[in-house]
C-alpha atoms as a PDB file:
ATOM      1  CA  MET A   1      78.898  79.964  93.158  1.00  0.00           C
ATOM      2  CA  ARG A   2      82.105  82.486  93.223  1.00  0.00           C
ATOM      3  CA  ALA A   3      81.590  85.726  91.972  1.00  0.00           C
ATOM      4  CA  HIS A   4      84.072  85.560  89.786  1.00  0.00           C
ATOM      5  CA  TYR A   5      82.834  82.608  87.342  1.00  0.00           C
ATOM      6  CA  LEU A   6      79.649  85.235  86.635  1.00  0.00           C
ATOM      7  CA  PRO A   7      80.975  87.820  84.036  1.00  0.00           C
ATOM      8  CA  ALA A   8      81.599  84.914  81.789  1.00  0.00           C
ATOM      9  CA  PHE A   9      78.600  83.578  82.145  1.00  0.00           C
ATOM     10  CA  SER A  10      77.234  86.379  81.601  1.00  0.00           C
ATOM     11  CA  ARG A  11      78.600  86.809  78.129  1.00  0.00           C
ATOM     12  CA  LEU A  12      78.844  83.131  77.246  1.00  0.00           C
ATOM     13  CA  GLY A  13      75.924  81.354  79.122  1.00  0.00           C
ATOM     14  CA  SER A  14      76.257  77.763  80.622  1.00  0.00           C
ATOM     15  CA  TYR A  15      80.341  76.785  80.690  1.00  0.00           C
ATOM     16  CA  ASP A  16      82.407  74.598  82.062  1.00  0.00           C
ATOM     17  CA  THR A  17      83.958  76.953  85.599  1.00  0.00           C
ATOM     18  CA  ALA A  18      86.776  73.975  85.755  1.00  0.00           C
ATOM     19  CA  LEU A  19      87.986  75.864  82.512  1.00  0.00           C
ATOM     20  CA  LEU A  20      88.550  79.024  84.187  1.00  0.00           C
ATOM     21  CA  ASP A  21      90.375  77.214  87.112  1.00  0.00           C
ATOM     22  CA  ARG A  22      92.964  75.886  84.590  1.00  0.00           C
ATOM     23  CA  THR A  23      93.602  78.966  82.463  1.00  0.00           C
ATOM     24  CA  ALA A  24      93.881  81.166  86.173  1.00  0.00           C
ATOM     25  CA  TRP A  25      95.381  78.457  88.600  1.00  0.00           C
ATOM     26  CA  GLY A  26      96.278  75.771  86.120  1.00  0.00           C
ATOM     27  CA  GLU A  27      99.482  74.031  85.441  1.00  0.00           C
ATOM     28  CA  ARG A  28     102.568  76.939  84.200  1.00  0.00           C
ATOM     29  CA  ARG A  29     101.913  76.206  80.729  1.00  0.00           C
ATOM     30  CA  SER A  30      98.103  76.432  80.548  1.00  0.00           C
ATOM     31  CA  ARG A  31      97.645  79.700  82.635  1.00  0.00           C
ATOM     32  CA  ARG A  32      96.476  82.296  80.512  1.00  0.00           C
ATOM     33  CA  LEU A  33      95.427  84.482  83.493  1.00  0.00           C
ATOM     34  CA  PHE A  34      96.821  86.098  86.842  1.00  0.00           C
ATOM     35  CA  GLU A  35      95.343  87.628  89.565  1.00  0.00           C
ATOM     36  CA  TYR A  36      96.821  91.376  90.186  1.00  0.00           C
ATOM     37  CA  TRP A  37      95.383  94.600  91.200  1.00  0.00           C
ATOM     38  CA  ALA A  38      93.392  96.197  88.767  1.00  0.00           C
ATOM     39  CA  HIS A  39      90.173  98.474  89.589  1.00  0.00           C
ATOM     40  CA  GLU A  40      89.777  95.916  92.781  1.00  0.00           C
ATOM     41  CA  ALA A  41      92.137  92.575  92.867  1.00  0.00           C
ATOM     42  CA  SER A  42      91.229  90.553  89.550  1.00  0.00           C
ATOM     43  CA  LEU A  43      92.078  88.120  86.964  1.00  0.00           C
ATOM     44  CA  LEU A  44      93.609  89.839  84.417  1.00  0.00           C
ATOM     45  CA  PRO A  45      94.797  88.593  80.949  1.00  0.00           C
ATOM     46  CA  LEU A  46      99.074  87.821  80.910  1.00  0.00           C
ATOM     47  CA  ASP A  47      99.652  90.083  78.392  1.00  0.00           C
ATOM     48  CA  LEU A  48      98.865  93.267  80.721  1.00  0.00           C
ATOM     49  CA  HIS A  49     101.619  91.902  83.329  1.00  0.00           C
ATOM     50  CA  PRO A  50     104.278  94.114  81.538  1.00  0.00           C
ATOM     51  CA  LEU A  51     101.953  97.179  81.691  1.00  0.00           C
ATOM     52  CA  LEU A  52     101.190  96.546  85.536  1.00  0.00           C
ATOM     53  CA  ARG A  53     104.974  95.967  86.433  1.00  0.00           C
ATOM     54  CA  TRP A  54     105.425 100.130  86.745  1.00  0.00           C
ATOM     55  CA  ARG A  55     102.340  99.280  89.769  1.00  0.00           C
ATOM     56  CA  MET A  56     104.646  96.707  91.579  1.00  0.00           C
ATOM     57  CA  ALA A  57     107.689  98.890  91.259  1.00  0.00           C
ATOM     58  CA  ARG A  58     105.937 101.711  93.085  1.00  0.00           C
ATOM     59  CA  ALA A  59     104.801  99.166  95.488  1.00  0.00           C
ATOM     60  CA  ASP A  60     108.411  97.881  96.086  1.00  0.00           C
ATOM     61  CA  ARG A  61     109.278 101.400  96.976  1.00  0.00           C
ATOM     62  CA  GLY A  62     106.274 101.691  99.517  1.00  0.00           C
ATOM     63  CA  GLU A  63     104.662 103.749  97.225  1.00  0.00           C
ATOM     64  CA  ALA A  64     101.857 101.964  96.590  1.00  0.00           C
ATOM     65  CA  GLY A  65      99.061  99.482  98.406  1.00  0.00           C
ATOM     66  CA  TYR A  66      97.123 100.490 102.116  1.00  0.00           C
ATOM     67  CA  ALA A  67      99.362 101.700 104.482  1.00  0.00           C
ATOM     68  CA  SER A  68      99.665  98.934 106.465  1.00  0.00           C
ATOM     69  CA  MET A  69     101.499  96.950 103.824  1.00  0.00           C
ATOM     70  CA  ARG A  70     103.809  99.858 103.118  1.00  0.00           C
ATOM     71  CA  ALA A  71     105.966  99.010 106.242  1.00  0.00           C
ATOM     72  CA  PHE A  72     107.454  95.841 104.221  1.00  0.00           C
ATOM     73  CA  ALA A  73     108.898  97.711 101.818  1.00  0.00           C
ATOM     74  CA  GLY A  74     111.267  99.671 104.802  1.00  0.00           C
ATOM     75  CA  GLU A  75     111.923  99.123 108.197  1.00  0.00           C
ATOM     76  CA  ARG A  76     109.906  95.927 108.291  1.00  0.00           C
ATOM     77  CA  ARG A  77     111.169  94.338 105.038  1.00  0.00           C
ATOM     78  CA  GLY A  78     113.681  91.948 106.103  1.00  0.00           C
ATOM     79  CA  GLU A  79     110.608  89.879 107.798  1.00  0.00           C
ATOM     80  CA  ALA A  80     108.895  89.964 104.186  1.00  0.00           C
ATOM     81  CA  ILE A  81     112.013  89.027 103.139  1.00  0.00           C
ATOM     82  CA  ALA A  82     112.197  86.303 104.973  1.00  0.00           C
ATOM     83  CA  LEU A  83     108.700  85.146 104.141  1.00  0.00           C
ATOM     84  CA  LEU A  84     109.461  84.572 100.824  1.00  0.00           C
ATOM     85  CA  ASP A  85     112.783  83.030 101.512  1.00  0.00           C
ATOM     86  CA  ARG A  86     110.562  80.638 103.177  1.00  0.00           C
ATOM     87  CA  LEU A  87     108.261  80.221 100.153  1.00  0.00           C
ATOM     88  CA  ARG A  88     110.842  79.463  98.185  1.00  0.00           C
ATOM     89  CA  GLY A  89     112.575  76.885  99.826  1.00  0.00           C
ATOM     90  CA  GLU A  90     109.320  75.342 101.196  1.00  0.00           C
ATOM     91  CA  GLY A  91     107.075  75.620  97.892  1.00  0.00           C
ATOM     92  CA  PRO A  92     103.498  77.358  97.750  1.00  0.00           C
ATOM     93  CA  MET A  93     101.712  78.248 101.207  1.00  0.00           C
ATOM     94  CA  ALA A  94      98.789  80.358 102.465  1.00  0.00           C
ATOM     95  CA  ALA A  95      98.613  82.663 105.018  1.00  0.00           C
ATOM     96  CA  SER A  96      97.159  80.542 107.592  1.00  0.00           C
ATOM     97  CA  GLN A  97     100.263  77.818 107.048  1.00  0.00           C
ATOM     98  CA  LEU A  98     102.503  80.204 108.049  1.00  0.00           C
ATOM     99  CA  GLU A  99     103.720  79.288 111.467  1.00  0.00           C
ATOM    100  CA  THR A 100     107.259  79.777 112.734  1.00  0.00           C
ATOM    101  CA  GLY A 101     107.304  78.323 115.760  1.00  0.00           C
ATOM    102  CA  ARG A 102     108.466  80.625 117.368  1.00  0.00           C
ATOM    103  CA  PRO A 103     104.810  82.337 119.027  1.00  0.00           C
ATOM    104  CA  GLY A 104     104.327  85.709 118.878  1.00  0.00           C
ATOM    105  CA  TRP A 105     106.353  86.561 116.085  1.00  0.00           C
ATOM    106  CA  TRP A 106     103.701  85.843 113.534  1.00  0.00           C
ATOM    107  CA  GLU A 107     100.170  86.813 114.072  1.00  0.00           C
ATOM    108  CA  TRP A 108      98.210  85.778 111.104  1.00  0.00           C
ATOM    109  CA  SER A 109      97.401  89.055 110.239  1.00  0.00           C
ATOM    110  CA  GLY A 110     100.942  90.186 110.251  1.00  0.00           C
ATOM    111  CA  ALA A 111     101.631  87.397 107.947  1.00  0.00           C
ATOM    112  CA  LYS A 112      99.055  88.072 105.822  1.00  0.00           C
ATOM    113  CA  ARG A 113     100.058  91.923 105.546  1.00  0.00           C
ATOM    114  CA  ALA A 114     103.482  90.555 104.807  1.00  0.00           C
ATOM    115  CA  LEU A 115     102.274  88.443 101.999  1.00  0.00           C
ATOM    116  CA  GLU A 116     100.114  91.362 100.503  1.00  0.00           C
ATOM    117  CA  TRP A 117     102.657  93.420 100.202  1.00  0.00           C
ATOM    118  CA  LEU A 118     104.984  90.691  98.192  1.00  0.00           C
ATOM    119  CA  PHE A 119     101.903  90.207  96.135  1.00  0.00           C
ATOM    120  CA  TYR A 120     101.693  93.831  95.507  1.00  0.00           C
ATOM    121  CA  ALA A 121     105.106  94.111  95.061  1.00  0.00           C
ATOM    122  CA  GLY A 122     105.127  91.375  92.487  1.00  0.00           C
ATOM    123  CA  HIS A 123     107.885  89.254  94.132  1.00  0.00           C
ATOM    124  CA  VAL A 124     104.507  86.966  94.856  1.00  0.00           C
ATOM    125  CA  THR A 125     101.256  85.611  93.013  1.00  0.00           C
ATOM    126  CA  THR A 126      98.203  83.379  93.406  1.00  0.00           C
ATOM    127  CA  ALA A 127      99.531  79.458  92.723  1.00  0.00           C
ATOM    128  CA  THR A 128      95.792  78.029  93.038  1.00  0.00           C
ATOM    129  CA  ARG A 129      93.069  78.638  95.183  1.00  0.00           C
ATOM    130  CA  ARG A 130      91.437  76.244  97.877  1.00  0.00           C
ATOM    131  CA  ARG A 131      88.692  75.390  98.293  1.00  0.00           C
ATOM    132  CA  ASN A 132      87.155  77.802 100.596  1.00  0.00           C
ATOM    133  CA  PHE A 133      88.952  80.368  97.948  1.00  0.00           C
ATOM    134  CA  GLU A 134      91.916  81.110 100.485  1.00  0.00           C
ATOM    135  CA  ARG A 135      94.707  82.186  98.493  1.00  0.00           C
ATOM    136  CA  VAL A 136      98.102  80.309  98.457  1.00  0.00           C
ATOM    137  CA  TYR A 137     101.524  82.018  97.324  1.00  0.00           C
ATOM    138  CA  ASP A 138     104.623  81.071  95.355  1.00  0.00           C
ATOM    139  CA  LEU A 139     107.392  82.850  93.790  1.00  0.00           C
ATOM    140  CA  THR A 140     106.249  84.682  90.848  1.00  0.00           C
ATOM    141  CA  ASP A 141     108.673  83.102  88.649  1.00  0.00           C
ATOM    142  CA  ARG A 142     107.039  79.798  89.191  1.00  0.00           C
ATOM    143  CA  VAL A 143     104.074  80.644  88.161  1.00  0.00           C
ATOM    144  CA  ILE A 144     103.656  83.175  85.359  1.00  0.00           C
ATOM    145  CA  PRO A 145     105.127  81.602  82.001  1.00  0.00           C
ATOM    146  CA  ALA A 146     108.810  82.816  81.314  1.00  0.00           C
ATOM    147  CA  ALA A 147     107.628  83.899  77.927  1.00  0.00           C
ATOM    148  CA  VAL A 148     105.667  86.569  79.912  1.00  0.00           C
ATOM    149  CA  LEU A 149     108.550  87.619  82.267  1.00  0.00           C
ATOM    150  CA  ASP A 150     110.756  87.902  79.496  1.00  0.00           C
ATOM    151  CA  LEU A 151     108.781  90.569  77.694  1.00  0.00           C
ATOM    152  CA  PRO A 152     110.252  93.668  77.819  1.00  0.00           C
ATOM    153  CA  THR A 153     108.799  96.330  80.386  1.00  0.00           C
ATOM    154  CA  PRO A 154     107.689  99.684  79.217  1.00  0.00           C
ATOM    155  CA  ASP A 155     108.524 102.984  80.985  1.00  0.00           C
ATOM    156  CA  GLU A 156     105.575 104.033  83.411  1.00  0.00           C
ATOM    157  CA  THR A 157     104.359 106.424  80.800  1.00  0.00           C
ATOM    158  CA  THR A 158     103.833 104.177  78.026  1.00  0.00           C
ATOM    159  CA  ALA A 159     102.407 101.281  80.324  1.00  0.00           C
ATOM    160  CA  GLN A 160      99.809 104.328  81.567  1.00  0.00           C
ATOM    161  CA  ARG A 161      98.863 104.897  77.900  1.00  0.00           C
ATOM    162  CA  MET A 162      98.130 101.793  77.320  1.00  0.00           C
ATOM    163  CA  LEU A 163      96.356 100.780  79.657  1.00  0.00           C
ATOM    164  CA  VAL A 164      94.105 103.890  79.310  1.00  0.00           C
ATOM    165  CA  GLU A 165      93.904 102.643  75.791  1.00  0.00           C
ATOM    166  CA  ARG A 166      92.674  99.257  77.058  1.00  0.00           C
ATOM    167  CA  ALA A 167      89.742 101.046  79.296  1.00  0.00           C
ATOM    168  CA  ALA A 168      88.669 103.253  76.410  1.00  0.00           C
ATOM    169  CA  ARG A 169      88.778 100.214  74.064  1.00  0.00           C
ATOM    170  CA  ALA A 170      86.459  98.056  76.225  1.00  0.00           C
ATOM    171  CA  MET A 171      83.920 101.030  77.709  1.00  0.00           C
ATOM    172  CA  GLY A 172      83.664 102.458  74.105  1.00  0.00           C
ATOM    173  CA  VAL A 173      82.451 105.673  75.109  1.00  0.00           C
ATOM    174  CA  ALA A 174      84.173 107.260  78.648  1.00  0.00           C
ATOM    175  CA  THR A 175      84.700 109.958  80.878  1.00  0.00           C
ATOM    176  CA  ALA A 176      88.107 111.119  82.637  1.00  0.00           C
ATOM    177  CA  GLY A 177      86.798 109.504  85.790  1.00  0.00           C
ATOM    178  CA  ASP A 178      85.590 106.312  83.889  1.00  0.00           C
ATOM    179  CA  LEU A 179      89.214 105.889  82.359  1.00  0.00           C
ATOM    180  CA  ARG A 180      91.184 106.535  85.744  1.00  0.00           C
ATOM    181  CA  ASP A 181      89.224 104.096  87.633  1.00  0.00           C
ATOM    182  CA  TYR A 182      89.711 101.147  85.102  1.00  0.00           C
ATOM    183  CA  PHE A 183      92.805 100.687  86.342  1.00  0.00           C
ATOM    184  CA  ARG A 184      92.680 102.868  89.460  1.00  0.00           C
ATOM    185  CA  LEU A 185      95.080 105.198  88.268  1.00  0.00           C
ATOM    186  CA  GLY A 186      96.283 108.333  89.736  1.00  0.00           C
ATOM    187  CA  PRO A 187      94.844 111.549  88.726  1.00  0.00           C
ATOM    188  CA  ALA A 188      97.937 113.507  86.708  1.00  0.00           C
ATOM    189  CA  ASP A 189      98.931 110.198  85.090  1.00  0.00           C
ATOM    190  CA  ALA A 190      95.184 109.328  84.135  1.00  0.00           C
ATOM    191  CA  ARG A 191      95.414 112.841  82.731  1.00  0.00           C
ATOM    192  CA  ALA A 192      98.977 112.470  80.775  1.00  0.00           C
ATOM    193  CA  ALA A 193      98.151 109.058  79.487  1.00  0.00           C
ATOM    194  CA  VAL A 194      94.481 110.703  78.421  1.00  0.00           C
ATOM    195  CA  ASP A 195      95.684 114.204  76.839  1.00  0.00           C
ATOM    196  CA  ALA A 196      98.605 111.696  74.845  1.00  0.00           C
ATOM    197  CA  LEU A 197      96.023 108.942  73.341  1.00  0.00           C
ATOM    198  CA  VAL A 198      93.704 112.605  72.069  1.00  0.00           C
ATOM    199  CA  GLU A 199      96.908 113.887  70.684  1.00  0.00           C
ATOM    200  CA  GLU A 200      97.669 110.555  68.763  1.00  0.00           C
ATOM    201  CA  GLY A 201      93.909 110.562  67.570  1.00  0.00           C
ATOM    202  CA  THR A 202      93.438 107.265  69.662  1.00  0.00           C
ATOM    203  CA  LEU A 203      90.431 108.888  71.702  1.00  0.00           C
ATOM    204  CA  VAL A 204      87.972 111.228  70.111  1.00  0.00           C
ATOM    205  CA  PRO A 205      86.583 114.180  72.136  1.00  0.00           C
ATOM    206  CA  VAL A 206      82.085 113.558  72.384  1.00  0.00           C
ATOM    207  CA  THR A 207      79.411 115.302  73.532  1.00  0.00           C
ATOM    208  CA  VAL A 208      77.449 112.865  75.425  1.00  0.00           C
ATOM    209  CA  ALA A 209      74.131 114.951  77.092  1.00  0.00           C
ATOM    210  CA  GLY A 210      74.210 115.463  80.924  1.00  0.00           C
ATOM    211  CA  TRP A 211      77.767 113.850  80.872  1.00  0.00           C
ATOM    212  CA  PRO A 212      81.066 115.520  81.788  1.00  0.00           C
ATOM    213  CA  ALA A 213      83.594 115.707  78.969  1.00  0.00           C
ATOM    214  CA  ALA A 214      83.898 112.518  77.466  1.00  0.00           C
ATOM    215  CA  TRP A 215      85.943 110.815  74.561  1.00  0.00           C
ATOM    216  CA  ARG A 216      85.207 107.694  72.215  1.00  0.00           C
ATOM    217  CA  HIS A 217      87.961 105.717  71.246  1.00  0.00           C
ATOM    218  CA  ARG A 218      88.390 105.910  67.566  1.00  0.00           C
ATOM    219  CA  ASP A 219      87.602 102.040  67.111  1.00  0.00           C
ATOM    220  CA  ALA A 220      84.636 101.854  68.860  1.00  0.00           C
ATOM    221  CA  VAL A 221      81.203 101.134  66.630  1.00  0.00           C
ATOM    222  CA  ILE A 222      77.263 101.907  67.510  1.00  0.00           C
ATOM    223  CA  PRO A 223      75.357  99.249  67.371  1.00  0.00           C
ATOM    224  CA  ARG A 224      72.511  98.854  65.566  1.00  0.00           C
ATOM    225  CA  ARG A 225      70.534  97.039  68.316  1.00  0.00           C
ATOM    226  CA  VAL A 226      71.335  95.773  71.640  1.00  0.00           C
ATOM    227  CA  ARG A 227      69.917  92.103  71.884  1.00  0.00           C
ATOM    228  CA  ALA A 228      71.437  90.844  75.866  1.00  0.00           C
ATOM    229  CA  ASP A 229      69.706  89.217  78.831  1.00  0.00           C
ATOM    230  CA  ALA A 230      72.125  88.485  81.067  1.00  0.00           C
ATOM    231  CA  LEU A 231      72.210  88.338  85.211  1.00  0.00           C
ATOM    232  CA  LEU A 232      75.325  90.584  86.201  1.00  0.00           C
ATOM    233  CA  ALA A 233      77.789  90.005  89.111  1.00  0.00           C
ATOM    234  CA  PRO A 234      77.789  92.910  91.865  1.00  0.00           C
ATOM    235  CA  PHE A 235      81.196  93.380  90.430  1.00  0.00           C
ATOM    236  CA  ASP A 236      80.818  92.952  86.748  1.00  0.00           C
ATOM    237  CA  PRO A 237      82.376  95.570  84.691  1.00  0.00           C
ATOM    238  CA  LEU A 238      79.394  96.629  83.707  1.00  0.00           C
ATOM    239  CA  VAL A 239      78.318  98.222  86.820  1.00  0.00           C
ATOM    240  CA  TRP A 240      81.284  97.966  88.921  1.00  0.00           C
ATOM    241  CA  ARG A 241      81.792 101.918  88.642  1.00  0.00           C
ATOM    242  CA  ARG A 242      78.308 102.886  90.239  1.00  0.00           C
ATOM    243  CA  GLU A 243      78.490 106.414  88.729  1.00  0.00           C
ATOM    244  CA  ARG A 244      79.040 104.948  85.285  1.00  0.00           C
ATOM    245  CA  ALA A 245      76.037 102.972  85.620  1.00  0.00           C
ATOM    246  CA  GLU A 246      74.039 105.709  86.561  1.00  0.00           C
ATOM    247  CA  ARG A 247      75.023 107.760  83.754  1.00  0.00           C
ATOM    248  CA  LEU A 248      74.219 104.717  81.019  1.00  0.00           C
ATOM    249  CA  PHE A 249      71.422 103.156  82.332  1.00  0.00           C
ATOM    250  CA  GLY A 250      69.216 105.717  85.553  1.00  0.00           C
ATOM    251  CA  PHE A 251      70.324 102.673  87.730  1.00  0.00           C
ATOM    252  CA  ARG A 252      71.681 103.424  90.888  1.00  0.00           C
ATOM    253  CA  TYR A 253      73.471  99.689  92.450  1.00  0.00           C
ATOM    254  CA  ARG A 254      74.508  99.166  95.742  1.00  0.00           C
ATOM    255  CA  ILE A 255      75.672  95.992  97.395  1.00  0.00           C
ATOM    256  CA  GLU A 256      74.149  95.348 100.834  1.00  0.00           C
ATOM    257  CA  ILE A 257      75.696  92.186 102.162  1.00  0.00           C
ATOM    258  CA  TYR A 258      76.719  94.181 104.714  1.00  0.00           C
ATOM    259  CA  VAL A 259      73.692  96.003 105.409  1.00  0.00           C
ATOM    260  CA  PRO A 260      71.450  94.721 108.289  1.00  0.00           C
ATOM    261  CA  ALA A 261      69.021  92.942 107.194  1.00  0.00           C
ATOM    262  CA  GLU A 262      65.897  95.132 107.996  1.00  0.00           C
ATOM    263  CA  LYS A 263      67.489  98.337 106.597  1.00  0.00           C
ATOM    264  CA  ARG A 264      68.452  96.433 102.931  1.00  0.00           C
ATOM    265  CA  GLN A 265      65.829  97.926 100.012  1.00  0.00           C
ATOM    266  CA  PHE A 266      66.537  94.797  97.613  1.00  0.00           C
ATOM    267  CA  GLY A 267      68.008  91.870  99.508  1.00  0.00           C
ATOM    268  CA  TYR A 268      71.038  90.645 100.200  1.00  0.00           C
ATOM    269  CA  TYR A 269      72.857  88.962  96.966  1.00  0.00           C
ATOM    270  CA  VAL A 270      71.327  90.773  94.690  1.00  0.00           C
ATOM    271  CA  LEU A 271      71.929  90.606  90.956  1.00  0.00           C
ATOM    272  CA  PRO A 272      71.252  93.320  88.278  1.00  0.00           C
ATOM    273  CA  PHE A 273      69.449  91.780  85.124  1.00  0.00           C
ATOM    274  CA  LEU A 274      70.569  93.455  81.885  1.00  0.00           C
ATOM    275  CA  HIS A 275      67.882  93.472  79.271  1.00  0.00           C
ATOM    276  CA  GLY A 276      68.425  94.818  76.009  1.00  0.00           C
ATOM    277  CA  ASP A 277      69.908  98.066  76.973  1.00  0.00           C
ATOM    278  CA  GLN A 278      68.478  98.414  79.823  1.00  0.00           C
ATOM    279  CA  MET A 279      69.146  97.608  83.516  1.00  0.00           C
ATOM    280  CA  ALA A 280      65.546  96.644  83.257  1.00  0.00           C
ATOM    281  CA  ALA A 281      65.708  94.176  87.024  1.00  0.00           C
ATOM    282  CA  ARG A 282      67.006  93.441  90.459  1.00  0.00           C
ATOM    283  CA  VAL A 283      66.934  89.725  92.176  1.00  0.00           C
ATOM    284  CA  ASP A 284      68.247  88.738  95.048  1.00  0.00           C
ATOM    285  CA  VAL A 285      69.339  84.968  94.388  1.00  0.00           C
ATOM    286  CA  LYS A 286      70.370  82.169  96.542  1.00  0.00           C
ATOM    287  CA  ALA A 287      72.021  78.323  95.627  1.00  0.00           C
ATOM    288  CA  ASP A 288      69.978  76.000  98.076  1.00  0.00           C
ATOM    289  CA  ARG A 289      72.893  73.440  96.975  1.00  0.00           C
ATOM    290  CA  GLN A 290      71.156  70.877  99.358  1.00  0.00           C
ATOM    291  CA  GLY A 291      67.461  71.162  98.105  1.00  0.00           C
ATOM    292  CA  GLY A 292      68.616  71.487  94.218  1.00  0.00           C
ATOM    293  CA  ARG A 293      67.113  74.879  94.307  1.00  0.00           C
ATOM    294  CA  LEU A 294      68.060  78.065  93.182  1.00  0.00           C
ATOM    295  CA  LEU A 295      65.802  80.472  95.839  1.00  0.00           C
ATOM    296  CA  VAL A 296      64.682  84.200  93.966  1.00  0.00           C
ATOM    297  CA  TYR A 297      63.505  85.656  97.429  1.00  0.00           C
ATOM    298  CA  ALA A 298      63.025  89.340  95.637  1.00  0.00           C
ATOM    299  CA  VAL A 299      62.003  90.121  92.149  1.00  0.00           C
ATOM    300  CA  HIS A 300      62.234  93.865  91.253  1.00  0.00           C
ATOM    301  CA  LEU A 301      61.440  95.740  88.272  1.00  0.00           C
ATOM    302  CA  GLU A 302      62.939  99.162  87.565  1.00  0.00           C
ATOM    303  CA  GLU A 303      60.565 102.118  86.256  1.00  0.00           C
ATOM    304  CA  GLY A 304      60.178 101.952  82.885  1.00  0.00           C
ATOM    305  CA  ALA A 305      61.096  98.412  82.411  1.00  0.00           C
ATOM    306  CA  ALA A 306      59.957  96.599  79.019  1.00  0.00           C
ATOM    307  CA  SER A 307      56.743  94.597  79.109  1.00  0.00           C
ATOM    308  CA  ASP A 308      58.596  91.113  78.433  1.00  0.00           C
ATOM    309  CA  THR A 309      61.246  91.719  81.016  1.00  0.00           C
ATOM    310  CA  ARG A 310      60.101  89.249  83.647  1.00  0.00           C
ATOM    311  CA  GLU A 311      59.279  86.408  80.667  1.00  0.00           C
ATOM    312  CA  ALA A 312      62.935  87.076  79.874  1.00  0.00           C
ATOM    313  CA  LEU A 313      64.031  87.072  83.322  1.00  0.00           C
ATOM    314  CA  LEU A 314      62.649  84.214  84.285  1.00  0.00           C
ATOM    315  CA  VAL A 315      64.312  82.252  81.301  1.00  0.00           C
ATOM    316  CA  GLU A 316      67.486  83.617  82.531  1.00  0.00           C
ATOM    317  CA  LEU A 317      66.971  82.325  85.634  1.00  0.00           C
ATOM    318  CA  ASP A 318      66.646  78.952  84.622  1.00  0.00           C
ATOM    319  CA  ARG A 319      69.654  78.813  82.580  1.00  0.00           C
ATOM    320  CA  MET A 320      71.499  80.032  85.643  1.00  0.00           C
ATOM    321  CA  ALA A 321      69.505  76.533  87.658  1.00  0.00           C
ATOM    322  CA  ALA A 322      70.406  74.838  85.338  1.00  0.00           C
ATOM    323  CA  TRP A 323      74.335  76.200  84.922  1.00  0.00           C
ATOM    324  CA  LEU A 324      74.563  75.458  88.480  1.00  0.00           C
ATOM    325  CA  GLY A 325      73.125  71.708  88.553  1.00  0.00           C
ATOM    326  CA  LEU A 326      70.200  73.391  90.435  1.00  0.00           C
ATOM    327  CA  ASP A 327      66.991  71.651  89.416  1.00  0.00           C
ATOM    328  CA  ARG A 328      64.610  74.195  89.546  1.00  0.00           C
ATOM    329  CA  VAL A 329      63.686  77.804  90.460  1.00  0.00           C
ATOM    330  CA  VAL A 330      61.647  78.793  93.148  1.00  0.00           C
ATOM    331  CA  ILE A 331      60.438  82.180  93.552  1.00  0.00           C
ATOM    332  CA  ALA A 332      59.605  83.335  96.586  1.00  0.00           C
END
């Protein structure tokens, strides 16, 4: 199961992934999401498109993005525009399709970098994804609904303030680093946005033991009780900022996919398990489609985990297996 399906499962339980596919990569009129750079490459609600156009403009000027892409904003711009013209004339394409008939002019990696610059600069976006999850690109104005493209574009300062407000609303209580990281803003941009939101009363300074300076969104509600059981994807918003996860839960989490097997501490593809208001366990899992099994290679309970953690975890593993269309859970 692709990781982008998991956050919705963590919050909703079993659901039809075709619904997400349609809202992200379906017909233009049915789209509710688009792909772009937020914290990382993300699926975002369409109302964020105007708030990220300043980032697209910076990329277009060669002021944002990886160094290998920035050349396409300058001396190699003509090559990227030639690709854009090809998409305009021939329709949506993936990087693997881009062959010019002129050996050596385009290597796949060069085409991919040019497409990624066009994507970062907002000239193209994701039309769909292939079965192997390869991105298929098309012109932005043929993918994003016209009503969204017609929305006014706020200036950089306003857009960044709105993004930080959105981050604060999502997190409730956050440090300056948390607020900046949510949409990967620059330190100076984030600082100015936080100052403005404090001045207008949207962010309220608070003290959290052991934390640096922090703020609460004025509309944040403190629940009387947290009732939650959820297996989380490695890139779930609750844990993607590792420093915040450690401050909130005392939970140190690292992805070990690229760590040699003999050096892994917890496993290859490890999902944190949220139980109540604790990160109570982590579990290394794999879907065995051919055998109809959800394989659990290892279960690690966290120190201080509640006595019913293992039982609750087994319930969630059964739910995940059923959602994935697997017959049973097998624990090694």
